[in-house]
Amino acid sequence: MGKSAVVIGGGLGGLAAAIRLAADGNRVTVLEKNERAGGKLNIRSGMGYTFDTGPSILTMPWVLEQLFESAGRKLEDYMTLRRIEPQWRTFFEDGTTIDVTGDLPLMLEQLNRVSPEDASRFLEYLHYCQQMYELCTKSFYSKSLTGLQDLRSQHKLKELLAMDPMRTMHQSTARFIQDSKLRQLFDFFIMYIGSSPYAAPAVLSQLIHVQLGLGIYYVEGGMYNIARGMLRLLDELGVEVRTHAPVARINYRGRLATGVTLEDGSEIAADLIISNLEAIPAHHTLLGSHPRAEKETKKLEKYTPAVSGLVLLLGVDKVYDQLQHHNFLFSQDPEKEFRQIFVDGVPADDPTVYIGISSKNDPTQAPPGKENLFVLTHVPPLREGQSWESNKVAYRELVLNKLERMGLTDLRQHIEFEYSFIPDDLQQLYGANGGSIYGVATDRKLNGGFKIPSQSDLLHNLYFVGGSTHPGGGVPMVTLSAQLTADLIKQQHGSANSNIS
């Protein structure tokens, strides 16, 4: 008979961990405090518009395929993925637009128009990015790593050096790309994990291969169908997913977690606890009474939160033909933008703005002749005791001014539905540290580019999954964090048929 496991939080990491633990023969209960599972991957609708409120781009679909296969299922029976081309349309203040596409001849043609010199070196750059990805499949994507020692154990010295450890991502982009617009464009891929190209290690150049080489995808009917598919599978596996079930604390005896107490006072005993609530907030709240919680939190301070965001969900009674499914309106001075957000900790004067319009490829998401604009602008995470409420109105104006200036004519007059999220909401709804969207910032000087280890140092049978743990933020990484943590649990506690305790 398997062990009993409680998963705290029904975000993607929690749901994926529950699938793997159940597939490995354990008895699993998921406890979610909100009305709906999915975490930051969520949904909001009104006036005929439907919006995914979190991730809007899916990369590395093999991670989801692998998860469903581990339970003897096929992903395509639970959701339909559609490859998106062009992948992004990018806009610059001087009127230049570049479509990022996996169609290599077309991509080269566009690069050639901007910078023939960069077009001639582009295949070399892509090869470099692919090499970084392939090196990571041997370690980052296959094992739960806690730091440099673990990484070294997975690679020969030659491979470690090939990861370009002395360079930042920006420095590696600059080696291959001369044109300032193209540098800005390729540097911005780092925002898949909410970090700065000026601080993140060069190995993250692999994100260019992840997108151009492996493709980007949309889930038909909306990205929330990823959560719906996982919930359906959990139901088939006999896992109870309880919503409106906030956990008050993790119970323990000595070095072992014994279960959880819910806010209503009820207790659930368990052999294993998996927290989808980030480690730092979990130590402040669920483990707050533990005598070593404060000391442990101090140790985790080097894992600073990644960026948060101002999200505007805009239902507009107009079609903007110049926009694609995914659009980026770039800042004029990327170095200043990243410095303001990551170093000064203030919202950028001129931010890069993302607009996702799923109705471009999925007519179910907006009424005919209208569009659902998901507008995301990255902002610094909240410091302790800070609120974003006082910035909300002025920053919304700044963002809308930029959109209207860069071609979304009379946008304000066409908004008929609007809903917004600020960092405070992300912190309150999902317990995200500082309202972070992507978990922990990847910074070579602060944390070597590593994430919080998935096994707790306080309690042997407590584990963490999600964007702040290895391998990081974004749909595939969070889903992978759950699978790698489940591998670790299996290795340490044996499979359901084993007698190892």
Protein backbone atom coordinates (compact mmCIF):
# COMPACT_ATOMS: atom_id res chain seq x y z
CA MET A 1 0.00 0.00 0.00
CA GLY A 2 1.32 3.46 -0.88
CA LYS A 3 1.87 6.35 1.46
CA SER A 4 -0.62 9.09 2.26
CA ALA A 5 0.30 12.45 0.76
CA VAL A 6 -1.18 15.92 1.19
CA VAL A 7 -0.52 18.54 -1.50
CA ILE A 8 -0.96 22.12 -0.24
CA GLY A 9 -2.10 24.30 -3.14
CA GLY A 10 -3.68 23.30 -6.42
CA GLY A 11 -1.53 25.35 -8.79
CA LEU A 12 0.04 23.56 -11.76
CA GLY A 13 2.93 22.32 -9.61
CA GLY A 14 0.55 20.90 -7.00
CA LEU A 15 -1.73 19.23 -9.56
CA ALA A 16 1.21 17.73 -11.46
CA ALA A 17 2.76 16.44 -8.21
CA ALA A 18 -0.57 14.87 -7.24
CA ILE A 19 -0.78 13.11 -10.63
CA ARG A 20 2.71 11.65 -10.29
CA LEU A 21 2.31 10.64 -6.63
CA ALA A 22 -1.02 8.95 -7.39
CA ALA A 23 0.45 7.23 -10.47
CA ASP A 24 3.25 5.96 -8.18
CA GLY A 25 0.61 4.30 -5.97
CA ASN A 26 0.18 6.83 -3.15
CA ARG A 27 -3.09 8.07 -1.62
CA VAL A 28 -3.25 11.77 -2.39
CA THR A 29 -5.38 14.73 -1.26
CA VAL A 30 -5.00 18.22 -2.77
CA LEU A 31 -6.02 21.21 -0.61
CA GLU A 32 -6.66 24.49 -2.48
CA LYS A 33 -7.71 27.65 -0.64
CA ASN A 34 -9.39 29.37 -3.64
CA GLU A 35 -12.65 28.48 -5.37
CA ARG A 36 -10.82 26.97 -8.34
CA ALA A 37 -7.63 24.97 -8.80
CA GLY A 38 -5.00 26.12 -11.32
CA GLY A 39 -3.14 28.74 -9.30
CA LYS A 40 -1.86 31.58 -11.49
CA LEU A 41 -3.09 29.62 -14.52
CA ASN A 42 -6.67 30.76 -14.15
CA ILE A 43 -9.63 32.20 -15.96
CA ARG A 44 -11.93 35.21 -15.91
CA SER A 45 -14.83 36.08 -18.18
CA GLY A 46 -17.53 38.67 -18.75
CA MET A 47 -19.64 40.20 -21.54
CA GLY A 48 -18.77 37.31 -23.88
CA TYR A 49 -14.99 37.70 -23.37
CA THR A 50 -12.85 34.95 -21.83
CA PHE A 51 -9.33 35.59 -20.55
CA ASP A 52 -6.58 33.33 -19.32
CA THR A 53 -5.32 35.33 -16.36
CA GLY A 54 -1.88 33.72 -16.16
CA PRO A 55 0.38 31.94 -18.66
CA SER A 56 -0.58 32.57 -22.27
CA ILE A 57 2.27 30.75 -24.07
CA LEU A 58 3.08 27.06 -23.76
CA THR A 59 6.59 25.84 -24.58
CA MET A 60 8.26 22.41 -24.22
CA PRO A 61 5.00 20.41 -24.57
CA TRP A 62 7.02 17.20 -24.01
CA VAL A 63 6.88 18.00 -20.28
CA LEU A 64 3.07 17.69 -20.24
CA GLU A 65 3.22 14.62 -22.50
CA GLN A 66 5.67 12.97 -20.11
CA LEU A 67 3.43 13.73 -17.10
CA PHE A 68 0.35 12.15 -18.68
CA GLU A 69 2.40 9.17 -19.91
CA SER A 70 3.55 8.55 -16.32
CA ALA A 71 -0.11 7.86 -15.50
CA GLY A 72 -0.58 5.66 -18.59
CA ARG A 73 -2.50 8.35 -20.49
CA LYS A 74 -2.11 10.33 -23.72
CA LEU A 75 -2.06 14.12 -23.44
CA GLU A 76 -4.13 14.56 -26.62
CA ASP A 77 -7.07 12.77 -24.97
CA TYR A 78 -7.22 15.59 -22.40
CA MET A 79 -6.37 18.76 -24.35
CA THR A 80 -5.60 19.93 -27.89
CA LEU A 81 -2.40 21.86 -28.50
CA ARG A 82 -2.04 24.15 -31.47
CA ARG A 83 1.29 25.52 -32.69
CA ILE A 84 1.27 29.31 -33.09
CA GLU A 85 2.97 31.07 -36.04
CA PRO A 86 4.21 33.72 -36.19
CA GLN A 87 5.26 33.19 -32.61
CA TRP A 88 5.54 36.85 -31.62
CA ARG A 89 5.06 40.11 -33.45
CA THR A 90 7.42 42.74 -32.05
CA PHE A 91 7.03 46.51 -32.33
CA PHE A 92 9.65 49.21 -31.82
CA GLU A 93 9.08 52.95 -31.25
CA ASP A 94 10.62 53.86 -34.63
CA GLY A 95 7.96 51.84 -36.45
CA THR A 96 10.09 48.71 -37.07
CA THR A 97 8.16 45.45 -36.66
CA ILE A 98 9.72 41.99 -36.67
CA ASP A 99 7.82 38.72 -36.63
CA VAL A 100 9.58 36.03 -34.61
CA THR A 101 8.96 32.73 -36.36
CA GLY A 102 10.12 29.12 -36.30
CA ASP A 103 10.14 29.27 -40.12
CA LEU A 104 13.90 29.73 -40.50
CA PRO A 105 14.05 31.12 -44.08
CA LEU A 106 11.37 33.66 -43.16
CA MET A 107 13.18 34.57 -39.93
CA LEU A 108 16.47 35.06 -41.80
CA GLU A 109 14.72 37.22 -44.39
CA GLN A 110 13.44 39.55 -41.66
CA LEU A 111 16.79 39.68 -39.85
CA ASN A 112 18.43 40.50 -43.16
CA ARG A 113 16.20 43.54 -43.54
CA VAL A 114 17.31 44.84 -40.13
CA SER A 115 20.96 43.71 -40.08
CA PRO A 116 22.56 41.58 -42.83
CA GLU A 117 25.60 41.02 -40.59
CA ASP A 118 23.44 39.48 -37.81
CA ALA A 119 21.48 37.40 -40.33
CA SER A 120 24.78 35.88 -41.52
CA ARG A 121 25.70 34.76 -37.95
CA PHE A 122 22.19 33.75 -36.89
CA LEU A 123 22.57 30.01 -37.53
CA GLU A 124 25.73 30.03 -35.41
CA TYR A 125 23.78 31.78 -32.62
CA LEU A 126 20.92 29.26 -32.88
CA HIS A 127 23.41 26.40 -32.67
CA TYR A 128 24.85 27.93 -29.48
CA CYS A 129 21.34 28.23 -27.96
CA GLN A 130 20.51 24.64 -28.94
CA GLN A 131 23.74 23.40 -27.36
CA MET A 132 22.76 25.12 -24.09
CA TYR A 133 19.36 23.41 -24.16
CA GLU A 134 20.87 19.99 -24.89
CA LEU A 135 23.35 20.34 -22.01
CA CYS A 136 20.42 21.11 -19.70
CA THR A 137 18.47 18.02 -20.74
CA LYS A 138 21.26 15.99 -19.06
CA SER A 139 20.82 17.68 -15.67
CA PHE A 140 18.40 20.59 -15.16
CA TYR A 141 15.52 18.82 -16.88
CA SER A 142 16.18 15.32 -15.61
CA LYS A 143 17.02 15.62 -11.91
CA SER A 144 16.08 17.71 -8.88
CA LEU A 145 19.20 19.83 -8.32
CA THR A 146 20.05 21.70 -5.12
CA GLY A 147 23.12 23.59 -6.33
CA LEU A 148 26.50 23.49 -8.02
CA GLN A 149 27.59 20.19 -6.42
CA ASP A 150 24.58 18.40 -7.94
CA LEU A 151 25.20 20.03 -11.31
CA ARG A 152 28.86 18.97 -11.28
CA SER A 153 27.89 15.38 -10.56
CA GLN A 154 25.84 15.30 -13.80
CA HIS A 155 28.43 16.78 -16.17
CA LYS A 156 32.02 16.41 -17.28
CA LEU A 157 34.17 19.54 -16.85
CA LYS A 158 34.10 20.13 -20.62
CA GLU A 159 30.28 20.30 -20.53
CA LEU A 160 30.28 22.66 -17.54
CA LEU A 161 32.64 24.99 -19.39
CA ALA A 162 30.46 24.75 -22.51
CA MET A 163 27.65 26.28 -20.41
CA ASP A 164 29.60 29.54 -20.63
CA PRO A 165 29.60 30.08 -16.83
CA MET A 166 31.49 33.40 -16.91
CA ARG A 167 28.97 35.22 -19.12
CA THR A 168 25.52 36.66 -18.60
CA MET A 169 22.77 36.01 -21.11
CA HIS A 170 23.15 39.59 -22.42
CA GLN A 171 26.89 39.07 -22.95
CA SER A 172 26.26 35.89 -24.93
CA THR A 173 23.61 37.63 -27.07
CA ALA A 174 26.10 40.46 -27.73
CA ARG A 175 28.71 37.96 -28.93
CA PHE A 176 26.50 36.96 -31.86
CA ILE A 177 24.13 39.90 -32.40
CA GLN A 178 25.29 43.45 -33.15
CA ASP A 179 22.07 45.34 -33.93
CA SER A 180 20.62 46.95 -30.78
CA LYS A 181 16.98 46.12 -31.66
CA LEU A 182 17.79 42.46 -32.30
CA ARG A 183 19.82 42.25 -29.09
CA GLN A 184 16.86 43.66 -27.19
CA LEU A 185 14.51 41.19 -28.85
CA PHE A 186 16.58 38.07 -28.08
CA ASP A 187 17.52 39.27 -24.58
CA PHE A 188 13.82 39.60 -23.82
CA PHE A 189 13.30 35.83 -24.07
CA ILE A 190 14.56 35.76 -20.45
CA MET A 191 11.21 37.24 -19.40
CA TYR A 192 9.73 33.74 -19.79
CA ILE A 193 11.23 33.32 -16.33
CA GLY A 194 10.93 36.92 -15.12
CA SER A 195 14.65 37.62 -14.80
CA SER A 196 17.16 40.13 -16.19
CA PRO A 197 19.46 39.28 -19.13
CA TYR A 198 22.11 41.43 -17.43
CA ALA A 199 22.13 39.13 -14.35
CA ALA A 200 20.99 35.70 -15.63
CA PRO A 201 23.61 33.13 -16.70
CA ALA A 202 24.38 32.63 -20.41
CA VAL A 203 23.00 29.07 -20.30
CA LEU A 204 19.51 30.63 -20.42
CA SER A 205 20.15 31.58 -24.04
CA GLN A 206 18.60 28.14 -24.53
CA LEU A 207 15.19 29.87 -24.30
CA ILE A 208 15.72 31.03 -27.91
CA HIS A 209 16.02 27.37 -28.97
CA VAL A 210 13.07 26.39 -26.77
CA GLN A 211 10.91 28.83 -28.74
CA LEU A 212 12.34 28.82 -32.27
CA GLY A 213 13.41 25.17 -32.32
CA LEU A 214 10.64 23.48 -30.32
CA GLY A 215 7.81 25.90 -31.07
CA ILE A 216 5.20 27.72 -28.98
CA TYR A 217 1.70 26.41 -28.41
CA TYR A 218 -1.80 27.43 -27.42
CA VAL A 219 -4.33 25.10 -25.82
CA GLU A 220 -7.63 25.12 -27.71
CA GLY A 221 -10.46 26.61 -25.68
CA GLY A 222 -7.97 28.57 -23.54
CA MET A 223 -4.87 27.77 -21.50
CA TYR A 224 -7.03 26.95 -18.47
CA ASN A 225 -7.78 23.67 -20.26
CA ILE A 226 -4.35 22.50 -19.02
CA ALA A 227 -5.73 22.66 -15.47
CA ARG A 228 -9.04 21.10 -16.55
CA GLY A 229 -7.16 18.22 -18.20
CA MET A 230 -5.07 17.61 -15.08
CA LEU A 231 -8.18 17.73 -12.85
CA ARG A 232 -9.94 15.18 -15.05
CA LEU A 233 -6.95 12.84 -14.80
CA LEU A 234 -6.77 13.31 -11.01
CA ASP A 235 -10.44 12.38 -10.78
CA GLU A 236 -9.75 9.19 -12.76
CA LEU A 237 -6.84 8.42 -10.42
CA GLY A 238 -9.11 8.77 -7.38
CA VAL A 239 -7.41 11.91 -6.01
CA GLU A 240 -9.61 14.24 -3.98
CA VAL A 241 -9.09 17.91 -4.88
CA ARG A 242 -10.69 20.06 -2.21
CA THR A 243 -11.28 23.75 -2.96
CA HIS A 244 -12.13 26.39 -0.30
CA ALA A 245 -9.74 24.42 1.92
CA PRO A 246 -7.06 26.83 3.24
CA VAL A 247 -4.29 25.20 5.29
CA ALA A 248 -3.32 26.98 8.52
CA ARG A 249 -0.17 25.06 9.44
CA ILE A 250 2.01 22.02 8.84
CA ASN A 251 2.18 19.75 11.90
CA TYR A 252 5.42 18.02 12.84
CA ARG A 253 7.15 15.87 15.42
CA GLY A 254 10.93 16.24 15.55
CA ARG A 255 12.24 16.23 11.98
CA LEU A 256 9.08 14.73 10.48
CA ALA A 257 5.92 16.40 9.20
CA THR A 258 2.89 14.52 10.50
CA GLY A 259 0.11 16.27 8.58
CA VAL A 260 -1.70 19.59 8.28
CA THR A 261 -4.30 21.61 10.17
CA LEU A 262 -6.84 23.49 8.05
CA GLU A 263 -8.16 26.94 8.94
CA ASP A 264 -11.45 25.35 10.02
CA GLY A 265 -9.52 23.42 12.69
CA SER A 266 -9.74 19.99 11.04
CA GLU A 267 -6.57 17.91 10.78
CA ILE A 268 -5.32 15.57 8.07
CA ALA A 269 -2.49 13.15 8.89
CA ALA A 270 -0.02 12.33 6.10
CA ASP A 271 3.26 10.51 5.46
CA LEU A 272 4.33 13.08 2.86
CA ILE A 273 3.61 16.80 2.53
CA ILE A 274 4.12 18.63 -0.76
CA SER A 275 3.78 22.42 -0.64
CA ASN A 276 2.85 24.24 -3.83
CA LEU A 277 2.95 27.40 -1.72
CA GLU A 278 6.40 28.94 -2.28
CA ALA A 279 9.04 28.04 0.30
CA ILE A 280 9.62 31.53 1.74
CA PRO A 281 5.91 32.37 2.35
CA ALA A 282 5.44 28.78 3.62
CA HIS A 283 8.12 29.31 6.28
CA HIS A 284 6.45 32.54 7.37
CA THR A 285 2.96 31.03 7.60
CA LEU A 286 2.59 27.22 7.53
CA LEU A 287 5.86 26.67 9.40
CA GLY A 288 5.76 29.91 11.41
CA SER A 289 5.72 28.10 14.78
CA HIS A 290 8.77 25.96 13.99
CA PRO A 291 11.73 27.06 16.16
CA ARG A 292 14.09 27.02 13.14
CA ALA A 293 11.71 28.64 10.63
CA GLU A 294 13.24 32.11 10.95
CA LYS A 295 16.80 30.84 10.56
CA GLU A 296 15.75 28.83 7.49
CA THR A 297 14.04 31.89 5.96
CA LYS A 298 17.29 33.86 6.39
CA LYS A 299 19.13 31.13 4.44
CA LEU A 300 16.60 31.46 1.62
CA GLU A 301 16.98 35.24 1.27
CA LYS A 302 19.38 34.89 -1.69
CA TYR A 303 16.42 33.55 -3.69
CA THR A 304 14.87 36.92 -4.47
CA PRO A 305 11.43 37.00 -6.08
CA ALA A 306 11.21 37.37 -9.85
CA VAL A 307 9.15 40.22 -11.30
CA SER A 308 5.48 40.79 -10.67
CA GLY A 309 3.11 42.47 -13.09
CA LEU A 310 0.26 44.82 -13.80
CA VAL A 311 -2.29 42.81 -15.80
CA LEU A 312 -5.09 44.54 -17.70
CA LEU A 313 -7.80 42.31 -19.19
CA LEU A 314 -9.44 44.44 -21.87
CA GLY A 315 -12.48 43.43 -23.91
CA VAL A 316 -12.49 45.75 -26.93
CA ASP A 317 -15.26 46.25 -29.50
CA LYS A 318 -12.76 46.45 -32.34
CA VAL A 319 -10.28 44.23 -34.22
CA TYR A 320 -6.67 45.46 -34.34
CA ASP A 321 -5.48 43.89 -37.60
CA GLN A 322 -1.83 44.79 -37.04
CA LEU A 323 -1.66 42.59 -33.92
CA GLN A 324 -1.01 38.84 -33.80
CA HIS A 325 -1.81 36.28 -31.10
CA HIS A 326 1.35 37.33 -29.17
CA ASN A 327 2.75 40.86 -29.36
CA PHE A 328 5.57 42.77 -27.66
CA LEU A 329 5.82 46.55 -27.73
CA PHE A 330 9.42 47.21 -26.74
CA SER A 331 10.90 49.96 -24.59
CA GLN A 332 13.33 52.45 -26.14
CA ASP A 333 16.11 51.81 -23.63
CA PRO A 334 16.22 48.18 -22.43
CA GLU A 335 19.23 48.70 -20.18
CA LYS A 336 17.41 51.47 -18.30
CA GLU A 337 14.19 49.41 -18.19
CA PHE A 338 15.90 46.39 -16.63
CA ARG A 339 17.92 48.59 -14.25
CA GLN A 340 14.80 50.33 -12.97
CA ILE A 341 12.90 47.07 -12.43
CA PHE A 342 15.68 44.80 -11.14
CA VAL A 343 18.24 47.12 -9.52
CA ASP A 344 16.32 50.24 -8.45
CA GLY A 345 13.15 48.28 -7.68
CA VAL A 346 10.87 50.87 -9.31
CA PRO A 347 8.39 50.54 -12.19
CA ALA A 348 10.02 51.40 -15.54
CA ASP A 349 9.21 54.82 -17.06
CA ASP A 350 8.95 53.16 -20.45
CA PRO A 351 8.17 49.45 -20.01
CA THR A 352 7.99 46.72 -22.62
CA VAL A 353 4.33 45.70 -22.89
CA TYR A 354 3.01 42.26 -23.87
CA ILE A 355 -0.40 41.88 -25.50
CA GLY A 356 -1.89 38.40 -25.90
CA ILE A 357 -5.05 38.05 -28.00
CA SER A 358 -6.20 34.43 -27.97
CA SER A 359 -9.32 35.34 -30.00
CA LYS A 360 -6.97 35.75 -33.02
CA ASN A 361 -6.75 31.94 -33.14
CA ASP A 362 -9.76 30.92 -31.05
CA PRO A 363 -13.09 32.63 -31.85
CA THR A 364 -14.67 31.19 -28.67
CA GLN A 365 -12.68 33.73 -26.61
CA ALA A 366 -14.42 36.96 -27.74
CA PRO A 367 -17.68 38.01 -29.46
CA PRO A 368 -17.55 38.42 -33.28
CA GLY A 369 -15.76 41.59 -34.40
CA LYS A 370 -14.24 42.06 -30.92
CA GLU A 371 -11.01 41.03 -29.20
CA ASN A 372 -9.78 39.93 -25.76
CA LEU A 373 -6.57 41.80 -24.96
CA PHE A 374 -4.46 40.38 -22.15
CA VAL A 375 -2.02 43.21 -21.40
CA LEU A 376 0.95 42.43 -19.14
CA THR A 377 3.59 44.88 -17.98
CA HIS A 378 6.33 43.63 -15.67
CA VAL A 379 6.90 45.54 -12.44
CA PRO A 380 9.19 44.94 -9.43
CA PRO A 381 8.00 42.50 -6.75
CA LEU A 382 6.60 43.99 -3.55
CA ARG A 383 8.92 44.57 -0.64
CA GLU A 384 7.65 43.58 2.79
CA GLY A 385 4.71 45.73 3.86
CA GLN A 386 4.53 47.45 0.46
CA SER A 387 1.36 47.80 -1.63
CA TRP A 388 1.00 48.56 -5.33
CA GLU A 389 -2.46 50.09 -4.90
CA SER A 390 -1.20 53.72 -5.09
CA ASN A 391 0.57 53.06 -8.45
CA LYS A 392 -2.37 51.33 -10.11
CA VAL A 393 -4.23 54.24 -11.75
CA ALA A 394 -1.16 56.19 -12.94
CA TYR A 395 0.58 53.09 -14.33
CA ARG A 396 -2.55 51.97 -16.19
CA GLU A 397 -2.54 55.42 -17.86
CA LEU A 398 1.15 55.10 -18.75
CA VAL A 399 0.56 51.67 -20.33
CA LEU A 400 -2.55 52.74 -22.29
CA ASN A 401 -0.71 55.88 -23.49
CA LYS A 402 2.08 53.68 -24.82
CA LEU A 403 -0.36 51.32 -26.60
CA GLU A 404 -2.21 54.20 -28.24
CA ARG A 405 1.08 55.88 -29.21
CA MET A 406 2.34 52.65 -30.81
CA GLY A 407 -0.66 52.02 -33.03
CA LEU A 408 -3.67 50.92 -30.96
CA THR A 409 -5.59 54.01 -32.03
CA ASP A 410 -8.37 55.22 -29.69
CA LEU A 411 -7.97 52.11 -27.54
CA ARG A 412 -9.59 53.73 -24.49
CA GLN A 413 -12.77 54.48 -26.45
CA HIS A 414 -13.13 50.82 -27.48
CA ILE A 415 -12.77 49.18 -24.04
CA GLU A 416 -16.11 47.73 -22.99
CA PHE A 417 -14.87 45.20 -20.41
CA GLU A 418 -11.94 45.67 -18.05
CA TYR A 419 -10.45 43.83 -15.11
CA SER A 420 -7.00 44.28 -13.59
CA PHE A 421 -4.55 42.44 -11.34
CA ILE A 422 -1.73 44.10 -9.40
CA PRO A 423 1.13 42.52 -7.38
CA ASP A 424 -1.03 42.69 -4.21
CA ASP A 425 -3.61 40.41 -5.88
CA LEU A 426 -1.00 37.84 -6.92
CA GLN A 427 0.38 37.81 -3.38
CA GLN A 428 -3.02 37.53 -1.74
CA LEU A 429 -4.56 34.99 -4.15
CA TYR A 430 -1.61 32.65 -4.63
CA GLY A 431 0.73 33.38 -1.72
CA ALA A 432 3.39 34.42 -4.26
CA ASN A 433 6.45 35.94 -2.59
CA GLY A 434 6.26 39.69 -3.33
CA GLY A 435 3.50 38.95 -5.84
CA SER A 436 6.09 37.30 -8.08
CA ILE A 437 4.76 35.77 -11.30
CA TYR A 438 7.70 33.43 -11.99
CA GLY A 439 8.97 32.37 -8.56
CA VAL A 440 12.65 33.13 -7.99
CA ALA A 441 14.82 35.47 -10.09
CA THR A 442 17.69 33.71 -11.85
CA ASP A 443 20.79 35.66 -10.88
CA ARG A 444 24.29 34.24 -11.29
CA LYS A 445 25.77 36.40 -8.49
CA LEU A 446 23.00 36.01 -5.93
CA ASN A 447 22.09 32.33 -6.29
CA GLY A 448 24.29 30.98 -9.10
CA GLY A 449 21.14 30.73 -11.23
CA PHE A 450 19.80 27.95 -9.00
CA LYS A 451 16.37 27.69 -7.41
CA ILE A 452 15.22 26.68 -3.93
CA PRO A 453 15.89 22.95 -3.34
CA SER A 454 12.68 20.94 -3.42
CA GLN A 455 13.31 19.02 -0.19
CA SER A 456 12.87 20.94 3.06
CA ASP A 457 15.86 21.33 5.38
CA LEU A 458 13.50 21.48 8.37
CA LEU A 459 11.37 18.38 7.84
CA HIS A 460 12.60 15.32 5.93
CA ASN A 461 9.23 14.44 4.39
CA LEU A 462 8.25 17.98 3.35
CA TYR A 463 8.84 18.96 -0.29
CA PHE A 464 8.25 22.09 -2.36
CA VAL A 465 7.09 22.34 -5.98
CA GLY A 466 6.38 25.32 -8.23
CA GLY A 467 8.14 28.28 -9.81
CA SER A 468 10.49 29.03 -6.91
CA THR A 469 11.91 25.49 -6.88
CA HIS A 470 14.15 23.77 -9.42
CA PRO A 471 13.97 24.14 -12.44
CA GLY A 472 11.91 27.39 -12.20
CA GLY A 473 8.90 29.37 -13.45
CA GLY A 474 6.61 29.01 -16.47
CA VAL A 475 4.21 26.17 -17.34
CA PRO A 476 6.75 23.53 -18.43
CA MET A 477 9.25 24.25 -15.64
CA VAL A 478 6.63 24.24 -12.90
CA THR A 479 5.17 20.97 -14.23
CA LEU A 480 8.67 19.55 -14.44
CA SER A 481 9.47 20.64 -10.88
CA ALA A 482 6.61 18.41 -9.73
CA GLN A 483 7.85 15.43 -11.75
CA LEU A 484 11.46 15.79 -10.59
CA THR A 485 10.30 16.15 -6.98
CA ALA A 486 8.16 13.01 -7.38
CA ASP A 487 11.28 11.20 -8.67
CA LEU A 488 13.16 12.36 -5.57
CA ILE A 489 10.34 11.18 -3.26
CA LYS A 490 10.29 7.79 -5.00
CA GLN A 491 14.05 7.49 -4.64
CA GLN A 492 13.97 8.43 -0.95
CA HIS A 493 10.77 6.75 0.19
CA GLY A 494 10.47 3.91 -2.29
CA SER A 495 7.57 3.16 -4.59
CA ALA A 496 4.17 2.05 -3.32
CA ASN A 497 5.15 -1.61 -3.55
CA SER A 498 8.33 -1.18 -1.55
CA ASN A 499 8.83 -1.60 2.18
CA ILE A 500 11.34 1.25 2.48
CA SER A 501 10.10 3.85 4.93
